[in-house]
PDB file of N, CA and C in Angstrom:
ATOM      1  N   MET A   1      -7.102  37.269  -3.456  1.00  0.00           N
ATOM      2  CA  MET A   1      -6.999  36.509  -4.689  1.00  0.00           C
ATOM      3  C   MET A   1      -6.138  37.276  -5.680  1.00  0.00           C
ATOM      4  N   ASP A   2      -5.319  36.537  -6.397  1.00  0.00           N
ATOM      5  CA  ASP A   2      -4.515  37.193  -7.419  1.00  0.00           C
ATOM      6  C   ASP A   2      -5.309  37.287  -8.728  1.00  0.00           C
ATOM      7  N   ASN A   3      -4.750  37.985  -9.698  1.00  0.00           N
ATOM      8  CA  ASN A   3      -5.456  38.230 -10.962  1.00  0.00           C
ATOM      9  C   ASN A   3      -5.747  36.947 -11.732  1.00  0.00           C
ATOM     10  N   ALA A   4      -4.847  35.971 -11.672  1.00  0.00           N
ATOM     11  CA  ALA A   4      -5.067  34.705 -12.377  1.00  0.00           C
ATOM     12  C   ALA A   4      -6.255  33.953 -11.775  1.00  0.00           C
ATOM     13  N   ALA A   5      -6.343  33.931 -10.455  1.00  0.00           N
ATOM     14  CA  ALA A   5      -7.462  33.259  -9.792  1.00  0.00           C
ATOM     15  C   ALA A   5      -8.780  33.972 -10.098  1.00  0.00           C
ATOM     16  N   LEU A   6      -8.756  35.298 -10.140  1.00  0.00           N
ATOM     17  CA  LEU A   6      -9.965  36.051 -10.482  1.00  0.00           C
ATOM     18  C   LEU A   6     -10.410  35.779 -11.916  1.00  0.00           C
ATOM     19  N   ALA A   7      -9.449  35.664 -12.823  1.00  0.00           N
ATOM     20  CA  ALA A   7      -9.777  35.368 -14.217  1.00  0.00           C
ATOM     21  C   ALA A   7     -10.404  33.981 -14.338  1.00  0.00           C
ATOM     22  N   ASP A   8      -9.855  33.002 -13.627  1.00  0.00           N
ATOM     23  CA  ASP A   8     -10.419  31.650 -13.634  1.00  0.00           C
ATOM     24  C   ASP A   8     -11.830  31.654 -13.051  1.00  0.00           C
ATOM     25  N   LEU A   9     -11.998  32.331 -11.929  1.00  0.00           N
ATOM     26  CA  LEU A   9     -13.312  32.408 -11.285  1.00  0.00           C
ATOM     27  C   LEU A   9     -14.312  33.093 -12.204  1.00  0.00           C
ATOM     28  N   SER A  10     -13.894  34.151 -12.861  1.00  0.00           N
ATOM     29  CA  SER A  10     -14.770  34.862 -13.789  1.00  0.00           C
ATOM     30  C   SER A  10     -15.251  33.949 -14.907  1.00  0.00           C
ATOM     31  N   GLY A  11     -14.345  33.164 -15.478  1.00  0.00           N
ATOM     32  CA  GLY A  11     -14.728  32.242 -16.546  1.00  0.00           C
ATOM     33  C   GLY A  11     -15.732  31.203 -16.094  1.00  0.00           C
ATOM     34  N   VAL A  12     -15.508  30.644 -14.918  1.00  0.00           N
ATOM     35  CA  VAL A  12     -16.429  29.639 -14.374  1.00  0.00           C
ATOM     36  C   VAL A  12     -17.795  30.261 -14.100  1.00  0.00           C
ATOM     37  N   LEU A  13     -17.810  31.446 -13.514  1.00  0.00           N
ATOM     38  CA  LEU A  13     -19.080  32.103 -13.183  1.00  0.00           C
ATOM     39  C   LEU A  13     -19.843  32.517 -14.441  1.00  0.00           C
ATOM     40  N   GLU A  14     -19.138  32.965 -15.463  1.00  0.00           N
ATOM     41  CA  GLU A  14     -19.813  33.343 -16.711  1.00  0.00           C
ATOM     42  C   GLU A  14     -20.461  32.134 -17.367  1.00  0.00           C
ATOM     43  N   LYS A  15     -19.806  30.964 -17.294  1.00  0.00           N
ATOM     44  CA  LYS A  15     -20.430  29.735 -17.796  1.00  0.00           C
ATOM     45  C   LYS A  15     -21.652  29.379 -16.962  1.00  0.00           C
ATOM     46  N   ARG A  16     -21.517  29.475 -15.650  1.00  0.00           N
ATOM     47  CA  ARG A  16     -22.590  29.095 -14.718  1.00  0.00           C
ATOM     48  C   ARG A  16     -23.833  29.951 -14.912  1.00  0.00           C
ATOM     49  N   PHE A  17     -23.642  31.266 -15.071  1.00  0.00           N
ATOM     50  CA  PHE A  17     -24.770  32.183 -15.170  1.00  0.00           C
ATOM     51  C   PHE A  17     -25.144  32.517 -16.608  1.00  0.00           C
ATOM     52  N   GLY A  18     -24.343  32.083 -17.577  1.00  0.00           N
ATOM     53  CA  GLY A  18     -24.675  32.255 -18.979  1.00  0.00           C
ATOM     54  C   GLY A  18     -24.667  33.688 -19.471  1.00  0.00           C
ATOM     55  N   ARG A  19     -23.832  34.531 -18.886  1.00  0.00           N
ATOM     56  CA  ARG A  19     -23.729  35.917 -19.347  1.00  0.00           C
ATOM     57  C   ARG A  19     -22.386  36.504 -18.948  1.00  0.00           C
ATOM     58  N   LYS A  20     -22.040  37.612 -19.586  1.00  0.00           N
ATOM     59  CA  LYS A  20     -20.797  38.320 -19.285  1.00  0.00           C
ATOM     60  C   LYS A  20     -20.956  39.036 -17.947  1.00  0.00           C
ATOM     61  N   LEU A  21     -19.966  38.873 -17.069  1.00  0.00           N
ATOM     62  CA  LEU A  21     -20.047  39.464 -15.741  1.00  0.00           C
ATOM     63  C   LEU A  21     -18.965  40.512 -15.550  1.00  0.00           C
ATOM     64  N   ASN A  22     -19.272  41.515 -14.755  1.00  0.00           N
ATOM     65  CA  ASN A  22     -18.313  42.546 -14.364  1.00  0.00           C
ATOM     66  C   ASN A  22     -18.033  42.327 -12.882  1.00  0.00           C
ATOM     67  N   LEU A  23     -16.860  41.760 -12.567  1.00  0.00           N
ATOM     68  CA  LEU A  23     -16.549  41.411 -11.183  1.00  0.00           C
ATOM     69  C   LEU A  23     -16.198  42.634 -10.355  1.00  0.00           C
ATOM     70  N   GLN A  24     -16.733  42.678  -9.142  1.00  0.00           N
ATOM     71  CA  GLN A  24     -16.361  43.673  -8.147  1.00  0.00           C
ATOM     72  C   GLN A  24     -15.964  42.897  -6.903  1.00  0.00           C
ATOM     73  N   VAL A  25     -14.724  43.050  -6.479  1.00  0.00           N
ATOM     74  CA  VAL A  25     -14.203  42.286  -5.350  1.00  0.00           C
ATOM     75  C   VAL A  25     -14.268  43.141  -4.092  1.00  0.00           C
ATOM     76  N   THR A  26     -14.876  42.584  -3.046  1.00  0.00           N
ATOM     77  CA  THR A  26     -14.951  43.230  -1.748  1.00  0.00           C
ATOM     78  C   THR A  26     -14.504  42.225  -0.704  1.00  0.00           C
ATOM     79  N   LEU A  27     -13.534  42.590   0.112  1.00  0.00           N
ATOM     80  CA  LEU A  27     -13.073  41.705   1.174  1.00  0.00           C
ATOM     81  C   LEU A  27     -14.017  41.795   2.357  1.00  0.00           C
ATOM     82  N   GLN A  28     -14.450  40.635   2.856  1.00  0.00           N
ATOM     83  CA  GLN A  28     -15.326  40.561   4.018  1.00  0.00           C
ATOM     84  C   GLN A  28     -14.730  39.551   4.992  1.00  0.00           C
ATOM     85  N   PRO A  29     -13.963  40.023   5.982  1.00  0.00           N
ATOM     86  CA  PRO A  29     -13.290  39.109   6.921  1.00  0.00           C
ATOM     87  C   PRO A  29     -14.241  38.174   7.666  1.00  0.00           C
ATOM     88  N   GLU A  30     -15.495  38.571   7.847  1.00  0.00           N
ATOM     89  CA  GLU A  30     -16.438  37.723   8.576  1.00  0.00           C
ATOM     90  C   GLU A  30     -16.777  36.435   7.833  1.00  0.00           C
ATOM     91  N   LEU A  31     -16.447  36.345   6.544  1.00  0.00           N
ATOM     92  CA  LEU A  31     -16.689  35.108   5.793  1.00  0.00           C
ATOM     93  C   LEU A  31     -15.650  34.042   6.113  1.00  0.00           C
ATOM     94  N   ILE A  32     -14.587  34.395   6.774  1.00  0.00           N
ATOM     95  CA  ILE A  32     -13.488  33.535   7.190  1.00  0.00           C
ATOM     96  C   ILE A  32     -12.651  33.084   5.990  1.00  0.00           C
ATOM     97  N   GLY A  33     -13.257  32.605   4.943  1.00  0.00           N
ATOM     98  CA  GLY A  33     -12.574  32.159   3.731  1.00  0.00           C
ATOM     99  C   GLY A  33     -13.599  31.806   2.679  1.00  0.00           C
ATOM    100  N   GLY A  34     -13.155  31.567   1.454  1.00  0.00           N
ATOM    101  CA  GLY A  34     -14.069  31.210   0.377  1.00  0.00           C
ATOM    102  C   GLY A  34     -14.598  32.436  -0.334  1.00  0.00           C
ATOM    103  N   VAL A  35     -15.648  32.250  -1.124  1.00  0.00           N
ATOM    104  CA  VAL A  35     -16.233  33.359  -1.873  1.00  0.00           C
ATOM    105  C   VAL A  35     -17.747  33.348  -1.731  1.00  0.00           C
ATOM    106  N   ARG A  36     -18.309  34.533  -1.864  1.00  0.00           N
ATOM    107  CA  ARG A  36     -19.760  34.717  -1.903  1.00  0.00           C
ATOM    108  C   ARG A  36     -20.036  35.544  -3.139  1.00  0.00           C
ATOM    109  N   VAL A  37     -20.815  34.994  -4.068  1.00  0.00           N
ATOM    110  CA  VAL A  37     -21.069  35.635  -5.351  1.00  0.00           C
ATOM    111  C   VAL A  37     -22.539  36.031  -5.409  1.00  0.00           C
ATOM    112  N   VAL A  38     -22.787  37.285  -5.772  1.00  0.00           N
ATOM    113  CA  VAL A  38     -24.151  37.779  -5.944  1.00  0.00           C
ATOM    114  C   VAL A  38     -24.297  38.237  -7.390  1.00  0.00           C
ATOM    115  N   VAL A  39     -25.223  37.606  -8.118  1.00  0.00           N
ATOM    116  CA  VAL A  39     -25.517  37.975  -9.502  1.00  0.00           C
ATOM    117  C   VAL A  39     -27.008  38.225  -9.573  1.00  0.00           C
ATOM    118  N   GLY A  40     -27.385  39.482  -9.673  1.00  0.00           N
ATOM    119  CA  GLY A  40     -28.810  39.825  -9.665  1.00  0.00           C
ATOM    120  C   GLY A  40     -29.413  39.415  -8.338  1.00  0.00           C
ATOM    121  N   ASP A  41     -30.413  38.550  -8.375  1.00  0.00           N
ATOM    122  CA  ASP A  41     -31.034  38.083  -7.133  1.00  0.00           C
ATOM    123  C   ASP A  41     -30.549  36.686  -6.732  1.00  0.00           C
ATOM    124  N   GLU A  42     -29.563  36.149  -7.451  1.00  0.00           N
ATOM    125  CA  GLU A  42     -28.993  34.842  -7.113  1.00  0.00           C
ATOM    126  C   GLU A  42     -27.742  35.010  -6.258  1.00  0.00           C
ATOM    127  N   VAL A  43     -27.600  34.147  -5.246  1.00  0.00           N
ATOM    128  CA  VAL A  43     -26.432  34.170  -4.378  1.00  0.00           C
ATOM    129  C   VAL A  43     -25.804  32.785  -4.373  1.00  0.00           C
ATOM    130  N   LEU A  44     -24.498  32.744  -4.616  1.00  0.00           N
ATOM    131  CA  LEU A  44     -23.724  31.510  -4.561  1.00  0.00           C
ATOM    132  C   LEU A  44     -22.718  31.700  -3.436  1.00  0.00           C
ATOM    133  N   ASP A  45     -22.950  31.046  -2.308  1.00  0.00           N
ATOM    134  CA  ASP A  45     -22.130  31.265  -1.118  1.00  0.00           C
ATOM    135  C   ASP A  45     -21.331  30.006  -0.797  1.00  0.00           C
ATOM    136  N   THR A  46     -20.030  30.061  -1.051  1.00  0.00           N
ATOM    137  CA  THR A  46     -19.152  28.932  -0.732  1.00  0.00           C
ATOM    138  C   THR A  46     -18.165  29.318   0.366  1.00  0.00           C
ATOM    139  N   SER A  47     -18.577  30.262   1.198  1.00  0.00           N
ATOM    140  CA  SER A  47     -17.697  30.717   2.268  1.00  0.00           C
ATOM    141  C   SER A  47     -17.662  29.700   3.409  1.00  0.00           C
ATOM    142  N   ILE A  48     -16.623  29.769   4.194  1.00  0.00           N
ATOM    143  CA  ILE A  48     -16.499  28.886   5.357  1.00  0.00           C
ATOM    144  C   ILE A  48     -17.593  29.201   6.371  1.00  0.00           C
ATOM    145  N   LYS A  49     -17.934  30.483   6.499  1.00  0.00           N
ATOM    146  CA  LYS A  49     -19.007  30.875   7.422  1.00  0.00           C
ATOM    147  C   LYS A  49     -20.318  30.182   7.049  1.00  0.00           C
ATOM    148  N   ALA A  50     -20.650  30.156   5.761  1.00  0.00           N
ATOM    149  CA  ALA A  50     -21.887  29.510   5.307  1.00  0.00           C
ATOM    150  C   ALA A  50     -21.846  28.011   5.573  1.00  0.00           C
ATOM    151  N   ARG A  51     -20.710  27.393   5.349  1.00  0.00           N
ATOM    152  CA  ARG A  51     -20.588  25.947   5.593  1.00  0.00           C
ATOM    153  C   ARG A  51     -20.725  25.628   7.084  1.00  0.00           C
ATOM    154  N   LEU A  52     -20.153  26.478   7.929  1.00  0.00           N
ATOM    155  CA  LEU A  52     -20.293  26.274   9.374  1.00  0.00           C
ATOM    156  C   LEU A  52     -21.747  26.418   9.807  1.00  0.00           C
ATOM    157  N   GLU A  53     -22.456  27.382   9.223  1.00  0.00           N
ATOM    158  CA  GLU A  53     -23.883  27.556   9.526  1.00  0.00           C
ATOM    159  C   GLU A  53     -24.694  26.325   9.101  1.00  0.00           C
ATOM    160  N   GLN A  54     -24.356  25.765   7.918  1.00  0.00           N
ATOM    161  CA  GLN A  54     -25.044  24.560   7.448  1.00  0.00           C
ATOM    162  C   GLN A  54     -24.795  23.394   8.392  1.00  0.00           C
ATOM    163  N   MET A  55     -23.553  23.269   8.855  1.00  0.00           N
ATOM    164  CA  MET A  55     -23.223  22.191   9.802  1.00  0.00           C
ATOM    165  C   MET A  55     -23.966  22.378  11.114  1.00  0.00           C
ATOM    166  N   LYS A  56     -24.063  23.616  11.581  1.00  0.00           N
ATOM    167  CA  LYS A  56     -24.766  23.918  12.820  1.00  0.00           C
ATOM    168  C   LYS A  56     -26.235  23.517  12.718  1.00  0.00           C
ATOM    169  N   VAL A  57     -26.857  23.857  11.607  1.00  0.00           N
ATOM    170  CA  VAL A  57     -28.261  23.500  11.399  1.00  0.00           C
ATOM    171  C   VAL A  57     -28.432  21.991  11.348  1.00  0.00           C
ATOM    172  N   ALA A  58     -27.529  21.300  10.652  1.00  0.00           N
ATOM    173  CA  ALA A  58     -27.626  19.844  10.540  1.00  0.00           C
ATOM    174  C   ALA A  58     -27.434  19.159  11.902  1.00  0.00           C
ATOM    175  N   LEU A  59     -26.537  19.689  12.714  1.00  0.00           N
ATOM    176  CA  LEU A  59     -26.272  19.056  14.009  1.00  0.00           C
ATOM    177  C   LEU A  59     -27.349  19.344  15.043  1.00  0.00           C
ATOM    178  N   THR A  60     -28.058  20.447  14.904  1.00  0.00           N
ATOM    179  CA  THR A  60     -29.096  20.783  15.887  1.00  0.00           C
ATOM    180  C   THR A  60     -30.484  20.337  15.433  1.00  0.00           C
ATOM    181  N   ALA A  61     -30.592  19.769  14.234  1.00  0.00           N
ATOM    182  CA  ALA A  61     -31.897  19.332  13.725  1.00  0.00           C
ATOM    183  C   ALA A  61     -32.291  17.995  14.304  1.00  0.00           C
TER     184      ALA A  61
END
C-alpha cells in the first residue's frame, strides 16, 4: 500500500473505532490480499483468505 492509501485507511478506521490510531503495517503473504486490522481485542478481517474460509464454511454447511 502506498502512503495515500494508508492515510485513507487510517481515517476510515479512526472513524470506525472512534479513537486516534497508530498504524503498524506488517506484510503477511498468507492473507493473499486485503487487510486484517487488530485494534485492542477487536479484529476486522477483510482478507481474501478470510473470505475463502467463509465460503468454505457456507458450502460445507
